[in-house]
Amino acid sequence: MRVRLTQSLTGFRDGIAWPEAGQEIELPDWEAENLIGVGYAKAVADEHVETPEDGGEIVAASGGAGDDAGSEAALPADSGPAPDGKRTRREA
């Protein structure tokens, strides 16, 4: 589930620092629901299209108050080690 953080979180998730407040991140449903439940995040309705060039996806920005309309490129979620055994880092 894709969420937008409403607060800055300290620490790391899977060895990578949390994105800043206002930025989006893809999380497992249970983790996203926990953050939404305590008010640290809001669900984002996303429409995405796979792009074969870079393996990423295009994520449409929601049209809520204070948001810029449009879309942004997002990297695929970090799902573990890359085929060469190195971990990839996801930049938001």
N, C-alpha and C. Protein backbone atom coordinates (compact mmCIF):
# COMPACT_ATOMS: atom_id res chain seq x y z
N MET A 1 0.85 -1.17 0.00
CA MET A 1 0.00 0.00 0.00
C MET A 1 0.90 1.23 0.00
N ARG A 2 0.51 2.21 -0.79
CA ARG A 2 1.29 3.45 -0.87
C ARG A 2 0.71 4.46 0.12
N VAL A 3 1.59 5.07 0.92
CA VAL A 3 1.17 6.06 1.90
C VAL A 3 2.03 7.32 1.79
N ARG A 4 1.47 8.43 2.25
CA ARG A 4 2.22 9.69 2.35
C ARG A 4 2.41 9.95 3.84
N LEU A 5 3.65 10.12 4.26
CA LEU A 5 3.94 10.37 5.67
C LEU A 5 3.46 11.75 6.07
N THR A 6 2.80 11.84 7.22
CA THR A 6 2.33 13.12 7.73
C THR A 6 3.29 13.68 8.77
N GLN A 7 4.22 12.84 9.24
CA GLN A 7 5.22 13.25 10.22
C GLN A 7 6.56 12.63 9.83
N SER A 8 7.63 13.29 10.24
CA SER A 8 8.95 12.71 10.03
C SER A 8 9.17 11.60 11.04
N LEU A 9 9.70 10.48 10.58
CA LEU A 9 10.00 9.36 11.46
C LEU A 9 11.51 9.23 11.59
N THR A 10 11.97 8.95 12.79
CA THR A 10 13.40 8.75 13.01
C THR A 10 13.73 7.29 12.81
N GLY A 11 14.99 7.01 12.61
CA GLY A 11 15.44 5.63 12.48
C GLY A 11 15.42 5.16 11.03
N PHE A 12 15.46 3.86 10.89
CA PHE A 12 15.60 3.25 9.58
C PHE A 12 14.55 2.18 9.37
N ARG A 13 14.26 1.92 8.11
CA ARG A 13 13.38 0.82 7.72
C ARG A 13 14.15 0.00 6.70
N ASP A 14 14.42 -1.24 7.00
CA ASP A 14 15.23 -2.11 6.14
C ASP A 14 16.58 -1.47 5.81
N GLY A 15 17.16 -0.78 6.79
CA GLY A 15 18.49 -0.19 6.62
C GLY A 15 18.52 1.13 5.88
N ILE A 16 17.35 1.68 5.55
CA ILE A 16 17.27 2.94 4.81
C ILE A 16 16.46 3.93 5.64
N ALA A 17 16.92 5.17 5.71
CA ALA A 17 16.20 6.19 6.49
C ALA A 17 14.80 6.41 5.92
N TRP A 18 13.85 6.68 6.81
CA TRP A 18 12.48 6.96 6.39
C TRP A 18 12.45 8.22 5.54
N PRO A 19 11.53 8.30 4.58
CA PRO A 19 11.39 9.55 3.81
C PRO A 19 10.91 10.68 4.72
N GLU A 20 11.08 11.91 4.28
CA GLU A 20 10.64 13.07 5.05
C GLU A 20 9.11 13.16 5.04
N ALA A 21 8.55 13.90 5.98
CA ALA A 21 7.10 14.14 6.02
C ALA A 21 6.66 14.74 4.69
N GLY A 22 5.53 14.26 4.17
CA GLY A 22 5.01 14.74 2.89
C GLY A 22 5.43 13.88 1.71
N GLN A 23 6.42 13.02 1.89
CA GLN A 23 6.86 12.13 0.83
C GLN A 23 6.12 10.80 0.92
N GLU A 24 6.12 10.07 -0.19
CA GLU A 24 5.40 8.80 -0.26
C GLU A 24 6.35 7.62 -0.19
N ILE A 25 5.79 6.49 0.28
CA ILE A 25 6.55 5.25 0.35
C ILE A 25 5.58 4.09 0.18
N GLU A 26 6.05 3.03 -0.45
CA GLU A 26 5.26 1.80 -0.62
C GLU A 26 5.59 0.87 0.55
N LEU A 27 4.56 0.42 1.26
CA LEU A 27 4.74 -0.44 2.43
C LEU A 27 3.82 -1.65 2.33
N PRO A 28 4.16 -2.72 3.06
CA PRO A 28 3.21 -3.83 3.17
C PRO A 28 1.91 -3.31 3.81
N ASP A 29 0.79 -3.90 3.47
CA ASP A 29 -0.51 -3.43 3.97
C ASP A 29 -0.55 -3.29 5.49
N TRP A 30 -0.05 -4.31 6.20
CA TRP A 30 -0.13 -4.27 7.66
C TRP A 30 0.65 -3.11 8.24
N GLU A 31 1.81 -2.80 7.65
CA GLU A 31 2.64 -1.72 8.16
C GLU A 31 2.02 -0.36 7.85
N ALA A 32 1.49 -0.23 6.63
CA ALA A 32 0.82 1.01 6.23
C ALA A 32 -0.40 1.26 7.13
N GLU A 33 -1.18 0.22 7.39
CA GLU A 33 -2.37 0.37 8.23
C GLU A 33 -2.01 0.77 9.65
N ASN A 34 -0.90 0.27 10.16
CA ASN A 34 -0.44 0.67 11.49
C ASN A 34 -0.07 2.15 11.53
N LEU A 35 0.67 2.62 10.51
CA LEU A 35 1.06 4.03 10.46
C LEU A 35 -0.15 4.93 10.30
N ILE A 36 -1.11 4.51 9.47
CA ILE A 36 -2.34 5.29 9.28
C ILE A 36 -3.12 5.33 10.58
N GLY A 37 -3.19 4.20 11.27
CA GLY A 37 -3.93 4.10 12.52
C GLY A 37 -3.45 5.03 13.61
N VAL A 38 -2.15 5.28 13.67
CA VAL A 38 -1.61 6.18 14.70
C VAL A 38 -1.44 7.61 14.19
N GLY A 39 -1.84 7.85 12.94
CA GLY A 39 -1.81 9.21 12.40
C GLY A 39 -0.49 9.64 11.79
N TYR A 40 0.42 8.72 11.55
CA TYR A 40 1.72 9.06 10.98
C TYR A 40 1.70 9.10 9.45
N ALA A 41 0.64 8.58 8.83
CA ALA A 41 0.57 8.51 7.38
C ALA A 41 -0.87 8.54 6.91
N LYS A 42 -1.06 8.83 5.63
CA LYS A 42 -2.37 8.79 4.98
C LYS A 42 -2.24 7.93 3.74
N ALA A 43 -3.28 7.17 3.44
CA ALA A 43 -3.27 6.32 2.25
C ALA A 43 -3.27 7.20 1.00
N VAL A 44 -2.58 6.73 -0.04
CA VAL A 44 -2.51 7.43 -1.31
C VAL A 44 -3.13 6.52 -2.36
N ALA A 45 -4.12 7.05 -3.07
CA ALA A 45 -4.68 6.29 -4.19
C ALA A 45 -3.73 6.49 -5.35
N ASP A 46 -3.14 5.42 -5.83
CA ASP A 46 -2.16 5.57 -6.90
C ASP A 46 -2.58 4.81 -8.14
N GLU A 47 -2.28 5.40 -9.26
CA GLU A 47 -2.44 4.75 -10.55
C GLU A 47 -1.04 4.66 -11.12
N HIS A 48 -0.62 3.48 -11.51
CA HIS A 48 0.74 3.34 -12.00
C HIS A 48 0.76 2.57 -13.31
N VAL A 49 1.80 2.86 -14.06
CA VAL A 49 2.04 2.19 -15.33
C VAL A 49 3.49 1.75 -15.33
N GLU A 50 3.73 0.48 -15.59
CA GLU A 50 5.10 -0.02 -15.64
C GLU A 50 5.82 0.58 -16.85
N THR A 51 7.05 0.98 -16.65
CA THR A 51 7.86 1.49 -17.75
C THR A 51 9.01 0.52 -17.96
N PRO A 52 9.08 -0.12 -19.12
CA PRO A 52 10.11 -1.13 -19.34
C PRO A 52 11.52 -0.57 -19.39
N GLU A 53 11.68 0.73 -19.65
CA GLU A 53 13.04 1.29 -19.78
C GLU A 53 13.83 1.19 -18.48
N ASP A 54 13.20 1.56 -17.36
CA ASP A 54 13.95 1.60 -16.11
C ASP A 54 13.39 0.67 -15.03
N GLY A 55 12.33 -0.05 -15.34
CA GLY A 55 11.76 -0.95 -14.35
C GLY A 55 10.99 -0.24 -13.27
N GLY A 56 10.86 1.10 -13.36
CA GLY A 56 10.11 1.86 -12.36
C GLY A 56 8.66 1.95 -12.74
N GLU A 57 7.96 2.81 -12.08
CA GLU A 57 6.55 3.00 -12.37
C GLU A 57 6.22 4.48 -12.28
N ILE A 58 5.19 4.90 -12.97
CA ILE A 58 4.72 6.27 -12.90
C ILE A 58 3.58 6.29 -11.90
N VAL A 59 3.68 7.17 -10.91
CA VAL A 59 2.67 7.24 -9.87
C VAL A 59 1.98 8.58 -9.97
N ALA A 60 0.68 8.57 -10.17
CA ALA A 60 -0.08 9.81 -10.25
C ALA A 60 -0.20 10.41 -8.86
N ALA A 61 0.04 11.71 -8.76
CA ALA A 61 -0.11 12.39 -7.48
C ALA A 61 -1.58 12.61 -7.21
N SER A 62 -1.98 12.48 -5.95
CA SER A 62 -3.38 12.71 -5.61
C SER A 62 -3.67 14.20 -5.67
N GLY A 63 -4.91 14.55 -5.91
CA GLY A 63 -5.29 15.95 -6.07
C GLY A 63 -5.77 16.60 -4.79
N GLY A 64 -5.26 16.20 -3.64
CA GLY A 64 -5.69 16.76 -2.36
C GLY A 64 -5.20 18.18 -2.17
N ALA A 65 -5.69 18.83 -1.14
CA ALA A 65 -5.30 20.21 -0.84
C ALA A 65 -3.80 20.28 -0.59
N GLY A 66 -3.16 21.26 -1.22
CA GLY A 66 -1.74 21.45 -1.03
C GLY A 66 -0.86 20.58 -1.90
N ASP A 67 -1.45 19.73 -2.70
CA ASP A 67 -0.68 18.87 -3.59
C ASP A 67 -0.57 19.49 -4.96
N ASP A 68 0.56 19.30 -5.60
CA ASP A 68 0.70 19.70 -6.99
C ASP A 68 0.13 18.59 -7.85
N ALA A 69 -0.73 18.94 -8.79
CA ALA A 69 -1.28 17.92 -9.69
C ALA A 69 -0.19 17.47 -10.64
N GLY A 70 -0.22 16.22 -11.04
CA GLY A 70 0.78 15.71 -11.96
C GLY A 70 1.23 14.34 -11.53
N SER A 71 2.36 13.91 -12.05
CA SER A 71 2.86 12.61 -11.67
C SER A 71 4.36 12.70 -11.47
N GLU A 72 4.87 11.70 -10.80
CA GLU A 72 6.31 11.64 -10.55
C GLU A 72 6.78 10.22 -10.81
N ALA A 73 8.03 10.10 -11.15
CA ALA A 73 8.59 8.77 -11.38
C ALA A 73 8.98 8.20 -10.03
N ALA A 74 8.70 6.93 -9.82
CA ALA A 74 9.04 6.27 -8.56
C ALA A 74 9.84 5.01 -8.87
N LEU A 75 10.82 4.74 -8.03
CA LEU A 75 11.60 3.53 -8.19
C LEU A 75 10.80 2.34 -7.69
N PRO A 76 11.05 1.15 -8.20
CA PRO A 76 10.35 -0.02 -7.68
C PRO A 76 10.71 -0.23 -6.21
N ALA A 77 9.79 -0.80 -5.46
CA ALA A 77 10.02 -1.05 -4.04
C ALA A 77 11.21 -1.99 -3.87
N ASP A 78 11.97 -1.77 -2.81
CA ASP A 78 13.12 -2.61 -2.51
C ASP A 78 12.61 -3.95 -1.99
N SER A 79 12.83 -5.00 -2.75
CA SER A 79 12.31 -6.31 -2.37
C SER A 79 13.42 -7.26 -1.96
N GLY A 80 14.56 -6.73 -1.60
CA GLY A 80 15.65 -7.59 -1.16
C GLY A 80 16.87 -7.43 -2.03
N PRO A 81 17.78 -8.37 -1.94
CA PRO A 81 19.01 -8.27 -2.70
C PRO A 81 18.76 -8.32 -4.20
N ALA A 82 19.57 -7.58 -4.93
CA ALA A 82 19.51 -7.62 -6.39
C ALA A 82 20.11 -8.94 -6.87
N PRO A 83 19.89 -9.31 -8.13
CA PRO A 83 20.41 -10.59 -8.62
C PRO A 83 21.91 -10.78 -8.40
N ASP A 84 22.67 -9.67 -8.38
CA ASP A 84 24.12 -9.81 -8.18
C ASP A 84 24.49 -9.92 -6.70
N GLY A 85 23.45 -9.96 -5.80
CA GLY A 85 23.71 -10.13 -4.38
C GLY A 85 23.84 -8.83 -3.62
N LYS A 86 23.87 -7.69 -4.32
CA LYS A 86 23.98 -6.39 -3.66
C LYS A 86 22.58 -5.85 -3.39
N ARG A 87 22.42 -5.19 -2.24
CA ARG A 87 21.13 -4.57 -1.94
C ARG A 87 21.03 -3.27 -2.71
N THR A 88 19.83 -3.01 -3.19
CA THR A 88 19.61 -1.74 -3.88
C THR A 88 19.03 -0.75 -2.89
N ARG A 89 19.30 0.51 -3.11
CA ARG A 89 18.78 1.56 -2.23
C ARG A 89 17.69 2.31 -2.96
N ARG A 90 16.59 2.51 -2.30
CA ARG A 90 15.46 3.21 -2.90
C ARG A 90 15.53 4.67 -2.48
N GLU A 91 15.58 5.57 -3.43
CA GLU A 91 15.56 6.99 -3.19
C GLU A 91 14.15 7.50 -3.40
N ALA A 92 13.66 8.32 -2.51
CA ALA A 92 12.29 8.86 -2.67
C ALA A 92 12.34 10.18 -3.38
